[in-house]
Amino acid sequence: MKDDIDAGTAQCAKVLEKVRQPGRPRAIPPELETVVIDLYKIGYGYRAIAGIIKSDYHISADFSTIKRTLKRLGIMPHHGSVSKS
C-alpha cells in the first residue's frame, strides 16, 4: 500500500513539473534574444534582422516582433514627442 502511495506521489511530481505557462509562447525564443540584440547593435534594421532570423534559424518573425522584443528588453531608444521650448 505504501509503495502505491509513493508511486502516486512521484507521478504527481512529474505532472507538476510539466505545467505549461499561460498565454502564447514568444515568437523569438529567449536563446535568440542575444542574437537579435547583437544584430541591432551592429546596425541592422528590424526587417533585416527578421530576415536573418528566418533564414539562419528557421523562425518566422515579423519585423514588428523584432521591434517589440528590443523595446521589451530596453535596447531600443524610446522616441517621445519633443517639446518646443
PDB file of N, CA and C in Angstrom:
ATOM      1  N   MET A   1       0.816  -1.190   0.000  1.00  0.00           N
ATOM      2  CA  MET A   1       0.000   0.000   0.000  1.00  0.00           C
ATOM      3  C   MET A   1       0.860   1.254   0.000  1.00  0.00           C
ATOM      4  N   LYS A   2       1.903   1.276   0.830  1.00  0.00           N
ATOM      5  CA  LYS A   2       2.789   2.429   0.904  1.00  0.00           C
ATOM      6  C   LYS A   2       3.510   2.648  -0.421  1.00  0.00           C
ATOM      7  N   ASP A   3       3.876   1.548  -1.113  1.00  0.00           N
ATOM      8  CA  ASP A   3       4.535   1.663  -2.414  1.00  0.00           C
ATOM      9  C   ASP A   3       3.621   2.319  -3.435  1.00  0.00           C
ATOM     10  N   ASP A   4       2.316   2.024  -3.358  1.00  0.00           N
ATOM     11  CA  ASP A   4       1.354   2.642  -4.267  1.00  0.00           C
ATOM     12  C   ASP A   4       1.276   4.147  -4.023  1.00  0.00           C
ATOM     13  N   ILE A   5       1.305   4.540  -2.761  1.00  0.00           N
ATOM     14  CA  ILE A   5       1.240   5.969  -2.422  1.00  0.00           C
ATOM     15  C   ILE A   5       2.501   6.678  -2.902  1.00  0.00           C
ATOM     16  N   ASP A   6       3.682   6.067  -2.693  1.00  0.00           N
ATOM     17  CA  ASP A   6       4.938   6.661  -3.157  1.00  0.00           C
ATOM     18  C   ASP A   6       4.967   6.792  -4.669  1.00  0.00           C
ATOM     19  N   ALA A   7       4.455   5.782  -5.375  1.00  0.00           N
ATOM     20  CA  ALA A   7       4.422   5.834  -6.836  1.00  0.00           C
ATOM     21  C   ALA A   7       3.481   6.929  -7.311  1.00  0.00           C
ATOM     22  N   GLY A   8       2.348   7.072  -6.624  1.00  0.00           N
ATOM     23  CA  GLY A   8       1.399   8.125  -6.977  1.00  0.00           C
ATOM     24  C   GLY A   8       1.967   9.505  -6.721  1.00  0.00           C
ATOM     25  N   THR A   9       2.698   9.664  -5.645  1.00  0.00           N
ATOM     26  CA  THR A   9       3.323  10.952  -5.336  1.00  0.00           C
ATOM     27  C   THR A   9       4.379  11.301  -6.366  1.00  0.00           C
ATOM     28  N   ALA A  10       5.166  10.310  -6.772  1.00  0.00           N
ATOM     29  CA  ALA A  10       6.199  10.551  -7.783  1.00  0.00           C
ATOM     30  C   ALA A  10       5.565  10.930  -9.116  1.00  0.00           C
ATOM     31  N   GLN A  11       4.453  10.295  -9.454  1.00  0.00           N
ATOM     32  CA  GLN A  11       3.775  10.607 -10.717  1.00  0.00           C
ATOM     33  C   GLN A  11       3.195  12.020 -10.667  1.00  0.00           C
ATOM     34  N   CYS A  12       2.640  12.430  -9.538  1.00  0.00           N
ATOM     35  CA  CYS A  12       2.106  13.790  -9.389  1.00  0.00           C
ATOM     36  C   CYS A  12       3.222  14.823  -9.513  1.00  0.00           C
ATOM     37  N   ALA A  13       4.389  14.516  -8.989  1.00  0.00           N
ATOM     38  CA  ALA A  13       5.519  15.441  -9.083  1.00  0.00           C
ATOM     39  C   ALA A  13       5.926  15.639 -10.531  1.00  0.00           C
ATOM     40  N   LYS A  14       5.898  14.558 -11.329  1.00  0.00           N
ATOM     41  CA  LYS A  14       6.247  14.682 -12.747  1.00  0.00           C
ATOM     42  C   LYS A  14       5.229  15.540 -13.484  1.00  0.00           C
ATOM     43  N   VAL A  15       3.959  15.375 -13.148  1.00  0.00           N
ATOM     44  CA  VAL A  15       2.914  16.165 -13.794  1.00  0.00           C
ATOM     45  C   VAL A  15       3.080  17.637 -13.444  1.00  0.00           C
ATOM     46  N   LEU A  16       3.403  17.938 -12.194  1.00  0.00           N
ATOM     47  CA  LEU A  16       3.573  19.328 -11.768  1.00  0.00           C
ATOM     48  C   LEU A  16       4.767  19.991 -12.445  1.00  0.00           C
ATOM     49  N   GLU A  17       5.798  19.228 -12.787  1.00  0.00           N
ATOM     50  CA  GLU A  17       6.962  19.789 -13.473  1.00  0.00           C
ATOM     51  C   GLU A  17       6.623  20.247 -14.882  1.00  0.00           C
ATOM     52  N   LYS A  18       5.634  19.623 -15.513  1.00  0.00           N
ATOM     53  CA  LYS A  18       5.322  19.904 -16.909  1.00  0.00           C
ATOM     54  C   LYS A  18       4.164  20.886 -17.078  1.00  0.00           C
ATOM     55  N   VAL A  19       3.826  21.619 -16.046  1.00  0.00           N
ATOM     56  CA  VAL A  19       2.731  22.584 -16.140  1.00  0.00           C
ATOM     57  C   VAL A  19       3.151  23.700 -17.087  1.00  0.00           C
ATOM     58  N   ARG A  20       2.276  23.973 -18.054  1.00  0.00           N
ATOM     59  CA  ARG A  20       2.589  24.991 -19.049  1.00  0.00           C
ATOM     60  C   ARG A  20       2.344  26.384 -18.502  1.00  0.00           C
ATOM     61  N   GLN A  21       3.068  27.331 -19.061  1.00  0.00           N
ATOM     62  CA  GLN A  21       2.849  28.731 -18.740  1.00  0.00           C
ATOM     63  C   GLN A  21       1.596  29.207 -19.457  1.00  0.00           C
ATOM     64  N   PRO A  22       0.825  30.109 -18.869  1.00  0.00           N
ATOM     65  CA  PRO A  22      -0.353  30.618 -19.565  1.00  0.00           C
ATOM     66  C   PRO A  22       0.041  31.570 -20.682  1.00  0.00           C
ATOM     67  N   GLY A  23      -0.809  31.652 -21.690  1.00  0.00           N
ATOM     68  CA  GLY A  23      -0.565  32.582 -22.789  1.00  0.00           C
ATOM     69  C   GLY A  23       0.188  31.951 -23.936  1.00  0.00           C
ATOM     70  N   ARG A  24       0.379  32.761 -24.943  1.00  0.00           N
ATOM     71  CA  ARG A  24       1.050  32.294 -26.150  1.00  0.00           C
ATOM     72  C   ARG A  24       2.569  32.371 -25.971  1.00  0.00           C
ATOM     73  N   PRO A  25       3.308  31.378 -26.447  1.00  0.00           N
ATOM     74  CA  PRO A  25       4.768  31.442 -26.331  1.00  0.00           C
ATOM     75  C   PRO A  25       5.339  32.543 -27.222  1.00  0.00           C
ATOM     76  N   ARG A  26       6.473  33.068 -26.849  1.00  0.00           N
ATOM     77  CA  ARG A  26       7.100  34.145 -27.608  1.00  0.00           C
ATOM     78  C   ARG A  26       7.565  33.630 -28.968  1.00  0.00           C
ATOM     79  N   ALA A  27       7.461  34.508 -29.987  1.00  0.00           N
ATOM     80  CA  ALA A  27       7.875  34.126 -31.340  1.00  0.00           C
ATOM     81  C   ALA A  27       9.385  33.947 -31.408  1.00  0.00           C
ATOM     82  N   ILE A  28      10.108  34.757 -30.658  1.00  0.00           N
ATOM     83  CA  ILE A  28      11.568  34.656 -30.620  1.00  0.00           C
ATOM     84  C   ILE A  28      11.957  34.027 -29.283  1.00  0.00           C
ATOM     85  N   PRO A  29      12.557  32.844 -29.310  1.00  0.00           N
ATOM     86  CA  PRO A  29      12.943  32.190 -28.057  1.00  0.00           C
ATOM     87  C   PRO A  29      13.974  33.021 -27.293  1.00  0.00           C
ATOM     88  N   PRO A  30      13.997  32.881 -25.974  1.00  0.00           N
ATOM     89  CA  PRO A  30      14.959  33.645 -25.169  1.00  0.00           C
ATOM     90  C   PRO A  30      16.416  33.413 -25.577  1.00  0.00           C
ATOM     91  N   GLU A  31      16.722  32.227 -26.142  1.00  0.00           N
ATOM     92  CA  GLU A  31      18.099  31.935 -26.544  1.00  0.00           C
ATOM     93  C   GLU A  31      18.531  32.820 -27.720  1.00  0.00           C
ATOM     94  N   LEU A  32      17.581  33.278 -28.532  1.00  0.00           N
ATOM     95  CA  LEU A  32      17.912  34.098 -29.698  1.00  0.00           C
ATOM     96  C   LEU A  32      17.844  35.595 -29.419  1.00  0.00           C
ATOM     97  N   GLU A  33      17.422  35.983 -28.239  1.00  0.00           N
ATOM     98  CA  GLU A  33      17.334  37.408 -27.929  1.00  0.00           C
ATOM     99  C   GLU A  33      18.710  38.074 -27.999  1.00  0.00           C
ATOM    100  N   THR A  34      19.750  37.370 -27.578  1.00  0.00           N
ATOM    101  CA  THR A  34      21.095  37.948 -27.645  1.00  0.00           C
ATOM    102  C   THR A  34      21.530  38.146 -29.095  1.00  0.00           C
ATOM    103  N   VAL A  35      21.113  37.242 -29.984  1.00  0.00           N
ATOM    104  CA  VAL A  35      21.436  37.373 -31.404  1.00  0.00           C
ATOM    105  C   VAL A  35      20.761  38.624 -31.969  1.00  0.00           C
ATOM    106  N   VAL A  36      19.496  38.818 -31.612  1.00  0.00           N
ATOM    107  CA  VAL A  36      18.752  39.990 -32.083  1.00  0.00           C
ATOM    108  C   VAL A  36      19.417  41.272 -31.577  1.00  0.00           C
ATOM    109  N   ILE A  37      19.801  41.286 -30.314  1.00  0.00           N
ATOM    110  CA  ILE A  37      20.460  42.469 -29.747  1.00  0.00           C
ATOM    111  C   ILE A  37      21.768  42.744 -30.463  1.00  0.00           C
ATOM    112  N   ASP A  38      22.578  41.709 -30.681  1.00  0.00           N
ATOM    113  CA  ASP A  38      23.868  41.893 -31.350  1.00  0.00           C
ATOM    114  C   ASP A  38      23.688  42.423 -32.769  1.00  0.00           C
ATOM    115  N   LEU A  39      22.723  41.877 -33.505  1.00  0.00           N
ATOM    116  CA  LEU A  39      22.485  42.346 -34.876  1.00  0.00           C
ATOM    117  C   LEU A  39      22.013  43.802 -34.881  1.00  0.00           C
ATOM    118  N   TYR A  40      21.186  44.173 -33.906  1.00  0.00           N
ATOM    119  CA  TYR A  40      20.706  45.555 -33.830  1.00  0.00           C
ATOM    120  C   TYR A  40      21.853  46.508 -33.508  1.00  0.00           C
ATOM    121  N   LYS A  41      22.734  46.099 -32.597  1.00  0.00           N
ATOM    122  CA  LYS A  41      23.860  46.959 -32.222  1.00  0.00           C
ATOM    123  C   LYS A  41      24.864  47.098 -33.356  1.00  0.00           C
ATOM    124  N   ILE A  42      24.969  46.085 -34.211  1.00  0.00           N
ATOM    125  CA  ILE A  42      25.862  46.161 -35.377  1.00  0.00           C
ATOM    126  C   ILE A  42      25.347  47.196 -36.366  1.00  0.00           C
ATOM    127  N   GLY A  43      24.010  47.321 -36.431  1.00  0.00           N
ATOM    128  CA  GLY A  43      23.455  48.318 -37.327  1.00  0.00           C
ATOM    129  C   GLY A  43      22.387  47.794 -38.268  1.00  0.00           C
ATOM    130  N   TYR A  44      21.974  46.554 -38.084  1.00  0.00           N
ATOM    131  CA  TYR A  44      20.910  46.000 -38.913  1.00  0.00           C
ATOM    132  C   TYR A  44      19.568  46.580 -38.485  1.00  0.00           C
ATOM    133  N   GLY A  45      18.671  46.725 -39.436  1.00  0.00           N
ATOM    134  CA  GLY A  45      17.327  47.202 -39.144  1.00  0.00           C
ATOM    135  C   GLY A  45      16.412  46.055 -38.776  1.00  0.00           C
ATOM    136  N   TYR A  46      15.159  46.408 -38.426  1.00  0.00           N
ATOM    137  CA  TYR A  46      14.207  45.394 -37.984  1.00  0.00           C
ATOM    138  C   TYR A  46      13.923  44.364 -39.070  1.00  0.00           C
ATOM    139  N   ARG A  47      13.735  44.839 -40.291  1.00  0.00           N
ATOM    140  CA  ARG A  47      13.415  43.922 -41.393  1.00  0.00           C
ATOM    141  C   ARG A  47      14.601  43.016 -41.714  1.00  0.00           C
ATOM    142  N   ALA A  48      15.798  43.550 -41.674  1.00  0.00           N
ATOM    143  CA  ALA A  48      16.989  42.740 -41.947  1.00  0.00           C
ATOM    144  C   ALA A  48      17.178  41.679 -40.864  1.00  0.00           C
ATOM    145  N   ILE A  49      16.954  42.061 -39.608  1.00  0.00           N
ATOM    146  CA  ILE A  49      17.079  41.098 -38.508  1.00  0.00           C
ATOM    147  C   ILE A  49      16.038  39.994 -38.661  1.00  0.00           C
ATOM    148  N   ALA A  50      14.802  40.375 -39.018  1.00  0.00           N
ATOM    149  CA  ALA A  50      13.746  39.368 -39.219  1.00  0.00           C
ATOM    150  C   ALA A  50      14.134  38.403 -40.343  1.00  0.00           C
ATOM    151  N   GLY A  51      14.745  38.916 -41.397  1.00  0.00           N
ATOM    152  CA  GLY A  51      15.188  38.056 -42.495  1.00  0.00           C
ATOM    153  C   GLY A  51      16.298  37.111 -42.079  1.00  0.00           C
ATOM    154  N   ILE A  52      17.227  37.600 -41.290  1.00  0.00           N
ATOM    155  CA  ILE A  52      18.331  36.762 -40.817  1.00  0.00           C
ATOM    156  C   ILE A  52      17.806  35.662 -39.892  1.00  0.00           C
ATOM    157  N   ILE A  53      16.904  36.023 -38.985  1.00  0.00           N
ATOM    158  CA  ILE A  53      16.329  35.044 -38.070  1.00  0.00           C
ATOM    159  C   ILE A  53      15.577  33.961 -38.853  1.00  0.00           C
ATOM    160  N   LYS A  54      14.893  34.386 -39.921  1.00  0.00           N
ATOM    161  CA  LYS A  54      14.142  33.419 -40.726  1.00  0.00           C
ATOM    162  C   LYS A  54      15.073  32.505 -41.520  1.00  0.00           C
ATOM    163  N   SER A  55      16.101  33.074 -42.139  1.00  0.00           N
ATOM    164  CA  SER A  55      16.964  32.259 -42.992  1.00  0.00           C
ATOM    165  C   SER A  55      17.934  31.385 -42.197  1.00  0.00           C
ATOM    166  N   ASP A  56      18.496  31.910 -41.133  1.00  0.00           N
ATOM    167  CA  ASP A  56      19.502  31.155 -40.380  1.00  0.00           C
ATOM    168  C   ASP A  56      18.909  30.219 -39.324  1.00  0.00           C
ATOM    169  N   TYR A  57      17.806  30.650 -38.687  1.00  0.00           N
ATOM    170  CA  TYR A  57      17.260  29.877 -37.565  1.00  0.00           C
ATOM    171  C   TYR A  57      15.885  29.274 -37.865  1.00  0.00           C
ATOM    172  N   HIS A  58      15.348  29.543 -39.061  1.00  0.00           N
ATOM    173  CA  HIS A  58      14.061  28.997 -39.499  1.00  0.00           C
ATOM    174  C   HIS A  58      12.921  29.349 -38.546  1.00  0.00           C
ATOM    175  N   ILE A  59      12.954  30.581 -38.043  1.00  0.00           N
ATOM    176  CA  ILE A  59      11.893  31.094 -37.186  1.00  0.00           C
ATOM    177  C   ILE A  59      11.267  32.279 -37.893  1.00  0.00           C
ATOM    178  N   SER A  60       9.984  32.167 -38.166  1.00  0.00           N
ATOM    179  CA  SER A  60       9.287  33.227 -38.871  1.00  0.00           C
ATOM    180  C   SER A  60       8.843  34.289 -37.872  1.00  0.00           C
ATOM    181  N   ALA A  61       9.486  35.439 -37.910  1.00  0.00           N
ATOM    182  CA  ALA A  61       9.152  36.549 -37.023  1.00  0.00           C
ATOM    183  C   ALA A  61       9.062  37.813 -37.864  1.00  0.00           C
ATOM    184  N   ASP A  62       7.975  38.534 -37.695  1.00  0.00           N
ATOM    185  CA  ASP A  62       7.774  39.775 -38.422  1.00  0.00           C
ATOM    186  C   ASP A  62       8.695  40.853 -37.857  1.00  0.00           C
ATOM    187  N   PHE A  63       8.931  41.916 -38.643  1.00  0.00           N
ATOM    188  CA  PHE A  63       9.813  42.986 -38.180  1.00  0.00           C
ATOM    189  C   PHE A  63       9.246  43.662 -36.932  1.00  0.00           C
ATOM    190  N   SER A  64       7.913  43.698 -36.812  1.00  0.00           N
ATOM    191  CA  SER A  64       7.319  44.323 -35.627  1.00  0.00           C
ATOM    192  C   SER A  64       7.591  43.491 -34.370  1.00  0.00           C
ATOM    193  N   THR A  65       7.754  42.186 -34.538  1.00  0.00           N
ATOM    194  CA  THR A  65       8.123  41.327 -33.410  1.00  0.00           C
ATOM    195  C   THR A  65       9.531  41.662 -32.944  1.00  0.00           C
ATOM    196  N   ILE A  66      10.429  41.913 -33.887  1.00  0.00           N
ATOM    197  CA  ILE A  66      11.795  42.311 -33.553  1.00  0.00           C
ATOM    198  C   ILE A  66      11.767  43.636 -32.801  1.00  0.00           C
ATOM    199  N   LYS A  67      10.971  44.562 -33.281  1.00  0.00           N
ATOM    200  CA  LYS A  67      10.862  45.881 -32.662  1.00  0.00           C
ATOM    201  C   LYS A  67      10.327  45.767 -31.229  1.00  0.00           C
ATOM    202  N   ARG A  68       9.278  44.963 -31.041  1.00  0.00           N
ATOM    203  CA  ARG A  68       8.708  44.773 -29.705  1.00  0.00           C
ATOM    204  C   ARG A  68       9.698  44.099 -28.759  1.00  0.00           C
ATOM    205  N   THR A  69      10.457  43.139 -29.287  1.00  0.00           N
ATOM    206  CA  THR A  69      11.451  42.445 -28.462  1.00  0.00           C
ATOM    207  C   THR A  69      12.523  43.408 -27.982  1.00  0.00           C
ATOM    208  N   LEU A  70      13.020  44.241 -28.871  1.00  0.00           N
ATOM    209  CA  LEU A  70      14.048  45.210 -28.484  1.00  0.00           C
ATOM    210  C   LEU A  70      13.501  46.226 -27.487  1.00  0.00           C
ATOM    211  N   LYS A  71      12.256  46.630 -27.682  1.00  0.00           N
ATOM    212  CA  LYS A  71      11.633  47.580 -26.768  1.00  0.00           C
ATOM    213  C   LYS A  71      11.447  46.949 -25.397  1.00  0.00           C
ATOM    214  N   ARG A  72      10.999  45.679 -25.356  1.00  0.00           N
ATOM    215  CA  ARG A  72      10.794  44.975 -24.091  1.00  0.00           C
ATOM    216  C   ARG A  72      12.101  44.803 -23.326  1.00  0.00           C
ATOM    217  N   LEU A  73      13.200  44.575 -24.061  1.00  0.00           N
ATOM    218  CA  LEU A  73      14.496  44.386 -23.420  1.00  0.00           C
ATOM    219  C   LEU A  73      15.169  45.700 -23.052  1.00  0.00           C
ATOM    220  N   GLY A  74      14.577  46.821 -23.466  1.00  0.00           N
ATOM    221  CA  GLY A  74      15.138  48.123 -23.118  1.00  0.00           C
ATOM    222  C   GLY A  74      16.303  48.531 -23.994  1.00  0.00           C
ATOM    223  N   ILE A  75      16.452  47.918 -25.154  1.00  0.00           N
ATOM    224  CA  ILE A  75      17.569  48.215 -26.047  1.00  0.00           C
ATOM    225  C   ILE A  75      17.220  49.349 -26.995  1.00  0.00           C
ATOM    226  N   MET A  76      15.999  49.331 -27.506  1.00  0.00           N
ATOM    227  CA  MET A  76      15.579  50.321 -28.490  1.00  0.00           C
ATOM    228  C   MET A  76      15.325  51.652 -27.791  1.00  0.00           C
ATOM    229  N   PRO A  77      15.837  52.747 -28.354  1.00  0.00           N
ATOM    230  CA  PRO A  77      15.576  54.049 -27.734  1.00  0.00           C
ATOM    231  C   PRO A  77      14.100  54.405 -27.854  1.00  0.00           C
ATOM    232  N   HIS A  78      13.559  54.974 -26.805  1.00  0.00           N
ATOM    233  CA  HIS A  78      12.166  55.391 -26.816  1.00  0.00           C
ATOM    234  C   HIS A  78      12.087  56.797 -27.408  1.00  0.00           C
ATOM    235  N   HIS A  79      11.327  56.943 -28.464  1.00  0.00           N
ATOM    236  CA  HIS A  79      11.174  58.237 -29.100  1.00  0.00           C
ATOM    237  C   HIS A  79       9.866  58.845 -28.647  1.00  0.00           C
ATOM    238  N   GLY A  80       9.959  59.865 -27.844  1.00  0.00           N
ATOM    239  CA  GLY A  80       8.764  60.562 -27.392  1.00  0.00           C
ATOM    240  C   GLY A  80       8.600  61.839 -28.171  1.00  0.00           C
ATOM    241  N   SER A  81       7.564  62.553 -27.871  1.00  0.00           N
ATOM    242  CA  SER A  81       7.355  63.815 -28.552  1.00  0.00           C
ATOM    243  C   SER A  81       8.335  64.849 -27.987  1.00  0.00           C
ATOM    244  N   VAL A  82       8.832  65.653 -28.865  1.00  0.00           N
ATOM    245  CA  VAL A  82       9.810  66.675 -28.484  1.00  0.00           C
ATOM    246  C   VAL A  82       9.050  67.964 -28.226  1.00  0.00           C
ATOM    247  N   SER A  83       9.241  68.519 -27.054  1.00  0.00           N
ATOM    248  CA  SER A  83       8.549  69.759 -26.741  1.00  0.00           C
ATOM    249  C   SER A  83       9.366  70.941 -27.270  1.00  0.00           C
ATOM    250  N   LYS A  84       8.680  71.941 -27.767  1.00  0.00           N
ATOM    251  CA  LYS A  84       9.334  73.132 -28.272  1.00  0.00           C
ATOM    252  C   LYS A  84       9.402  74.164 -27.160  1.00  0.00           C
ATOM    253  N   SER A  85      10.590  74.487 -26.732  1.00  0.00           N
ATOM    254  CA  SER A  85      10.746  75.477 -25.673  1.00  0.00           C
ATOM    255  C   SER A  85      11.542  76.650 -26.160  1.00  0.00           C
TER     256      SER A  85
END
